[in-house]
Amino acid sequence: MNKAILIGLLFLIPTTQLIAEEANDLEMRHLLAIAKFAGSCGLMSEMLDFQAKTKMDNGNEFVERFFAVETARLGRTGEEYFKECQYAITTYDKIWKVME
């Protein structure tokens, strides 16, 4: 009886380790996704600032079209995109502070 329990535990330990590694991998992917999305939000903000400062011919139309295409590609409305940007940037800032 004790041998059966020991053998069962030996099989359980590697499985537990695999589950922990997969969880860490998912957490890392989640962190990377947040960073990537926060970066895209920052890029959008930079485009808006650039256009406001330079007043490039047809720049407003370009930014509007780019934003419309990007939100459509993501399957989001403009409002949803900006809410997700707020979440991503706030979360990214928290992660950054933790890593300091």
N, C-alpha and C. Protein backbone atom coordinates (compact mmCIF):
# COMPACT_ATOMS: atom_id res chain seq x y z
N MET A 1 0.81 -1.19 0.00
CA MET A 1 0.00 0.00 0.00
C MET A 1 0.86 1.26 0.00
N ASN A 2 1.89 1.29 0.81
CA ASN A 2 2.77 2.45 0.87
C ASN A 2 3.50 2.67 -0.44
N LYS A 3 3.86 1.56 -1.13
CA LYS A 3 4.54 1.70 -2.42
C LYS A 3 3.63 2.36 -3.44
N ALA A 4 2.36 2.02 -3.42
CA ALA A 4 1.41 2.61 -4.36
C ALA A 4 1.28 4.11 -4.12
N ILE A 5 1.23 4.53 -2.88
CA ILE A 5 1.14 5.96 -2.56
C ILE A 5 2.42 6.67 -3.00
N LEU A 6 3.56 6.07 -2.75
CA LEU A 6 4.84 6.66 -3.13
C LEU A 6 4.93 6.81 -4.65
N ILE A 7 4.55 5.79 -5.37
CA ILE A 7 4.58 5.85 -6.84
C ILE A 7 3.62 6.94 -7.33
N GLY A 8 2.46 7.02 -6.73
CA GLY A 8 1.49 8.06 -7.10
C GLY A 8 2.05 9.45 -6.86
N LEU A 9 2.73 9.64 -5.73
CA LEU A 9 3.33 10.95 -5.42
C LEU A 9 4.46 11.29 -6.39
N LEU A 10 5.23 10.28 -6.79
CA LEU A 10 6.31 10.52 -7.74
C LEU A 10 5.78 11.00 -9.08
N PHE A 11 4.62 10.49 -9.48
CA PHE A 11 4.01 10.95 -10.72
C PHE A 11 3.37 12.33 -10.55
N LEU A 12 2.92 12.62 -9.37
CA LEU A 12 2.26 13.90 -9.10
C LEU A 12 3.25 15.06 -9.07
N ILE A 13 4.44 14.86 -8.56
CA ILE A 13 5.42 15.95 -8.44
C ILE A 13 5.78 16.54 -9.80
N PRO A 14 6.14 15.74 -10.81
CA PRO A 14 6.45 16.35 -12.11
C PRO A 14 5.22 17.05 -12.72
N THR A 15 4.04 16.50 -12.51
CA THR A 15 2.82 17.11 -13.03
C THR A 15 2.59 18.46 -12.38
N THR A 16 2.79 18.54 -11.07
CA THR A 16 2.63 19.79 -10.34
C THR A 16 3.62 20.82 -10.85
N GLN A 17 4.85 20.38 -11.10
CA GLN A 17 5.86 21.29 -11.64
C GLN A 17 5.46 21.80 -13.01
N LEU A 18 4.93 20.93 -13.86
CA LEU A 18 4.49 21.35 -15.19
C LEU A 18 3.35 22.36 -15.09
N ILE A 19 2.42 22.13 -14.19
CA ILE A 19 1.31 23.06 -14.01
C ILE A 19 1.83 24.42 -13.57
N ALA A 20 2.77 24.44 -12.64
CA ALA A 20 3.35 25.70 -12.16
C ALA A 20 4.08 26.42 -13.29
N GLU A 21 4.83 25.67 -14.10
CA GLU A 21 5.55 26.28 -15.22
C GLU A 21 4.57 26.86 -16.24
N GLU A 22 3.49 26.13 -16.52
CA GLU A 22 2.49 26.64 -17.47
C GLU A 22 1.82 27.89 -16.92
N ALA A 23 1.54 27.93 -15.63
CA ALA A 23 0.93 29.11 -15.02
C ALA A 23 1.87 30.30 -15.12
N ASN A 24 3.15 30.08 -14.85
CA ASN A 24 4.13 31.16 -14.98
C ASN A 24 4.23 31.65 -16.42
N ASP A 25 4.16 30.71 -17.36
CA ASP A 25 4.22 31.06 -18.77
C ASP A 25 3.01 31.91 -19.16
N LEU A 26 1.82 31.52 -18.68
CA LEU A 26 0.62 32.30 -18.95
C LEU A 26 0.72 33.69 -18.33
N GLU A 27 1.23 33.77 -17.11
CA GLU A 27 1.40 35.06 -16.46
C GLU A 27 2.35 35.94 -17.26
N MET A 28 3.44 35.37 -17.72
CA MET A 28 4.42 36.13 -18.50
C MET A 28 3.78 36.60 -19.80
N ARG A 29 3.02 35.75 -20.46
CA ARG A 29 2.35 36.15 -21.70
C ARG A 29 1.36 37.27 -21.44
N HIS A 30 0.66 37.20 -20.32
CA HIS A 30 -0.29 38.25 -19.95
C HIS A 30 0.45 39.57 -19.75
N LEU A 31 1.58 39.53 -19.06
CA LEU A 31 2.37 40.74 -18.85
C LEU A 31 2.86 41.31 -20.18
N LEU A 32 3.32 40.44 -21.06
CA LEU A 32 3.79 40.90 -22.37
C LEU A 32 2.65 41.50 -23.19
N ALA A 33 1.48 40.89 -23.12
CA ALA A 33 0.32 41.42 -23.85
C ALA A 33 -0.06 42.80 -23.34
N ILE A 34 -0.01 42.99 -22.03
CA ILE A 34 -0.31 44.30 -21.45
C ILE A 34 0.71 45.32 -21.93
N ALA A 35 1.98 44.96 -21.90
CA ALA A 35 3.03 45.88 -22.34
C ALA A 35 2.86 46.22 -23.82
N LYS A 36 2.55 45.24 -24.63
CA LYS A 36 2.38 45.47 -26.07
C LYS A 36 1.20 46.40 -26.32
N PHE A 37 0.09 46.15 -25.64
CA PHE A 37 -1.09 46.98 -25.85
C PHE A 37 -0.86 48.40 -25.34
N ALA A 38 -0.22 48.53 -24.18
CA ALA A 38 0.10 49.86 -23.65
C ALA A 38 1.00 50.61 -24.63
N GLY A 39 1.92 49.92 -25.25
CA GLY A 39 2.78 50.55 -26.25
C GLY A 39 2.00 51.03 -27.46
N SER A 40 1.04 50.24 -27.92
CA SER A 40 0.24 50.67 -29.07
C SER A 40 -0.61 51.88 -28.71
N CYS A 41 -1.07 51.92 -27.46
CA CYS A 41 -1.84 53.09 -27.00
C CYS A 41 -0.95 54.32 -26.97
N GLY A 42 0.28 54.15 -26.53
CA GLY A 42 1.23 55.25 -26.51
C GLY A 42 1.53 55.76 -27.91
N LEU A 43 1.63 54.84 -28.85
CA LEU A 43 1.87 55.22 -30.24
C LEU A 43 0.71 56.05 -30.79
N MET A 44 -0.50 55.61 -30.47
CA MET A 44 -1.68 56.36 -30.93
C MET A 44 -1.67 57.77 -30.34
N SER A 45 -1.32 57.87 -29.09
CA SER A 45 -1.24 59.17 -28.43
C SER A 45 -0.18 60.05 -29.08
N GLU A 46 0.96 59.46 -29.42
CA GLU A 46 2.02 60.21 -30.08
C GLU A 46 1.59 60.71 -31.46
N MET A 47 0.84 59.89 -32.18
CA MET A 47 0.33 60.30 -33.48
C MET A 47 -0.58 61.51 -33.34
N LEU A 48 -1.47 61.49 -32.34
CA LEU A 48 -2.37 62.60 -32.11
C LEU A 48 -1.60 63.87 -31.73
N ASP A 49 -0.62 63.73 -30.86
CA ASP A 49 0.21 64.88 -30.45
C ASP A 49 0.99 65.45 -31.65
N PHE A 50 1.56 64.55 -32.44
CA PHE A 50 2.33 64.98 -33.60
C PHE A 50 1.46 65.79 -34.56
N GLN A 51 0.27 65.26 -34.82
CA GLN A 51 -0.64 65.96 -35.74
C GLN A 51 -1.09 67.29 -35.16
N ALA A 52 -1.35 67.35 -33.87
CA ALA A 52 -1.76 68.61 -33.24
C ALA A 52 -0.65 69.66 -33.34
N LYS A 53 0.59 69.24 -33.23
CA LYS A 53 1.72 70.19 -33.28
C LYS A 53 2.09 70.59 -34.70
N THR A 54 2.08 69.64 -35.62
CA THR A 54 2.56 69.94 -36.98
C THR A 54 1.45 70.38 -37.93
N LYS A 55 0.23 69.99 -37.63
CA LYS A 55 -0.92 70.30 -38.51
C LYS A 55 -0.61 69.91 -39.97
N MET A 56 -0.09 68.71 -40.11
CA MET A 56 0.26 68.17 -41.42
C MET A 56 -0.99 68.08 -42.30
N ASP A 57 -0.83 68.43 -43.59
CA ASP A 57 -1.95 68.34 -44.53
C ASP A 57 -2.50 66.91 -44.53
N ASN A 58 -3.79 66.79 -44.41
CA ASN A 58 -4.51 65.51 -44.41
C ASN A 58 -4.12 64.61 -43.23
N GLY A 59 -3.40 65.17 -42.27
CA GLY A 59 -2.97 64.38 -41.12
C GLY A 59 -4.13 63.94 -40.24
N ASN A 60 -5.11 64.82 -40.06
CA ASN A 60 -6.27 64.44 -39.24
C ASN A 60 -7.01 63.26 -39.85
N GLU A 61 -7.18 63.29 -41.16
CA GLU A 61 -7.86 62.19 -41.85
C GLU A 61 -7.07 60.89 -41.72
N PHE A 62 -5.75 61.01 -41.83
CA PHE A 62 -4.92 59.82 -41.69
C PHE A 62 -5.07 59.20 -40.30
N VAL A 63 -4.96 60.04 -39.27
CA VAL A 63 -5.07 59.54 -37.90
C VAL A 63 -6.45 58.93 -37.66
N GLU A 64 -7.49 59.57 -38.15
CA GLU A 64 -8.85 59.04 -37.98
C GLU A 64 -9.02 57.70 -38.68
N ARG A 65 -8.50 57.60 -39.91
CA ARG A 65 -8.60 56.32 -40.64
C ARG A 65 -7.79 55.23 -39.97
N PHE A 66 -6.58 55.58 -39.54
CA PHE A 66 -5.73 54.61 -38.87
C PHE A 66 -6.43 54.08 -37.61
N PHE A 67 -6.97 54.99 -36.82
CA PHE A 67 -7.66 54.61 -35.59
C PHE A 67 -8.89 53.74 -35.90
N ALA A 68 -9.65 54.10 -36.92
CA ALA A 68 -10.84 53.33 -37.29
C ALA A 68 -10.46 51.91 -37.71
N VAL A 69 -9.41 51.81 -38.50
CA VAL A 69 -8.96 50.48 -38.97
C VAL A 69 -8.44 49.65 -37.80
N GLU A 70 -7.67 50.28 -36.93
CA GLU A 70 -7.09 49.56 -35.79
C GLU A 70 -8.17 49.05 -34.83
N THR A 71 -9.14 49.89 -34.52
CA THR A 71 -10.21 49.44 -33.61
C THR A 71 -11.06 48.36 -34.26
N ALA A 72 -11.30 48.48 -35.55
CA ALA A 72 -12.06 47.44 -36.26
C ALA A 72 -11.30 46.12 -36.27
N ARG A 73 -9.99 46.21 -36.49
CA ARG A 73 -9.17 45.00 -36.49
C ARG A 73 -9.24 44.29 -35.15
N LEU A 74 -9.30 45.07 -34.09
CA LEU A 74 -9.37 44.50 -32.75
C LEU A 74 -10.79 44.14 -32.33
N GLY A 75 -11.77 44.50 -33.16
CA GLY A 75 -13.17 44.21 -32.84
C GLY A 75 -13.68 45.05 -31.68
N ARG A 76 -13.21 46.28 -31.60
CA ARG A 76 -13.57 47.18 -30.50
C ARG A 76 -14.17 48.46 -31.04
N THR A 77 -14.96 49.11 -30.21
CA THR A 77 -15.38 50.47 -30.52
C THR A 77 -14.28 51.40 -30.04
N GLY A 78 -14.35 52.65 -30.43
CA GLY A 78 -13.36 53.61 -29.96
C GLY A 78 -13.37 53.74 -28.46
N GLU A 79 -14.57 53.75 -27.87
CA GLU A 79 -14.69 53.86 -26.41
C GLU A 79 -14.08 52.65 -25.71
N GLU A 80 -14.34 51.45 -26.23
CA GLU A 80 -13.76 50.24 -25.64
C GLU A 80 -12.23 50.27 -25.73
N TYR A 81 -11.73 50.72 -26.88
CA TYR A 81 -10.29 50.79 -27.07
C TYR A 81 -9.65 51.72 -26.04
N PHE A 82 -10.23 52.90 -25.84
CA PHE A 82 -9.67 53.84 -24.87
C PHE A 82 -9.76 53.34 -23.44
N LYS A 83 -10.84 52.63 -23.11
CA LYS A 83 -10.95 52.03 -21.76
C LYS A 83 -9.87 50.98 -21.57
N GLU A 84 -9.65 50.16 -22.59
CA GLU A 84 -8.61 49.14 -22.51
C GLU A 84 -7.23 49.77 -22.45
N CYS A 85 -7.05 50.90 -23.13
CA CYS A 85 -5.78 51.63 -23.05
C CYS A 85 -5.54 52.11 -21.63
N GLN A 86 -6.56 52.67 -21.01
CA GLN A 86 -6.41 53.15 -19.63
C GLN A 86 -6.00 52.00 -18.71
N TYR A 87 -6.67 50.85 -18.86
CA TYR A 87 -6.34 49.68 -18.04
C TYR A 87 -4.90 49.23 -18.32
N ALA A 88 -4.54 49.12 -19.60
CA ALA A 88 -3.21 48.62 -19.96
C ALA A 88 -2.11 49.54 -19.45
N ILE A 89 -2.29 50.84 -19.61
CA ILE A 89 -1.26 51.78 -19.19
C ILE A 89 -1.14 51.81 -17.67
N THR A 90 -2.28 51.82 -16.97
CA THR A 90 -2.25 51.79 -15.50
C THR A 90 -1.59 50.52 -15.00
N THR A 91 -1.94 49.38 -15.59
CA THR A 91 -1.36 48.10 -15.18
C THR A 91 0.12 48.06 -15.51
N TYR A 92 0.50 48.54 -16.68
CA TYR A 92 1.91 48.57 -17.07
C TYR A 92 2.71 49.41 -16.08
N ASP A 93 2.18 50.57 -15.71
CA ASP A 93 2.87 51.44 -14.75
C ASP A 93 3.06 50.73 -13.40
N LYS A 94 2.05 49.99 -12.97
CA LYS A 94 2.16 49.23 -11.71
C LYS A 94 3.23 48.16 -11.82
N ILE A 95 3.24 47.44 -12.94
CA ILE A 95 4.24 46.40 -13.16
C ILE A 95 5.64 47.01 -13.15
N TRP A 96 5.79 48.14 -13.83
CA TRP A 96 7.09 48.81 -13.90
C TRP A 96 7.58 49.17 -12.52
N LYS A 97 6.71 49.70 -11.67
CA LYS A 97 7.10 50.10 -10.31
C LYS A 97 7.52 48.88 -9.49
N VAL A 98 6.82 47.78 -9.67
CA VAL A 98 7.16 46.55 -8.95
C VAL A 98 8.55 46.06 -9.35
N MET A 99 8.89 46.23 -10.62
CA MET A 99 10.17 45.74 -11.14
C MET A 99 11.35 46.62 -10.77
N GLU A 100 11.10 47.83 -10.27
CA GLU A 100 12.21 48.74 -9.92
C GLU A 100 12.98 48.23 -8.74
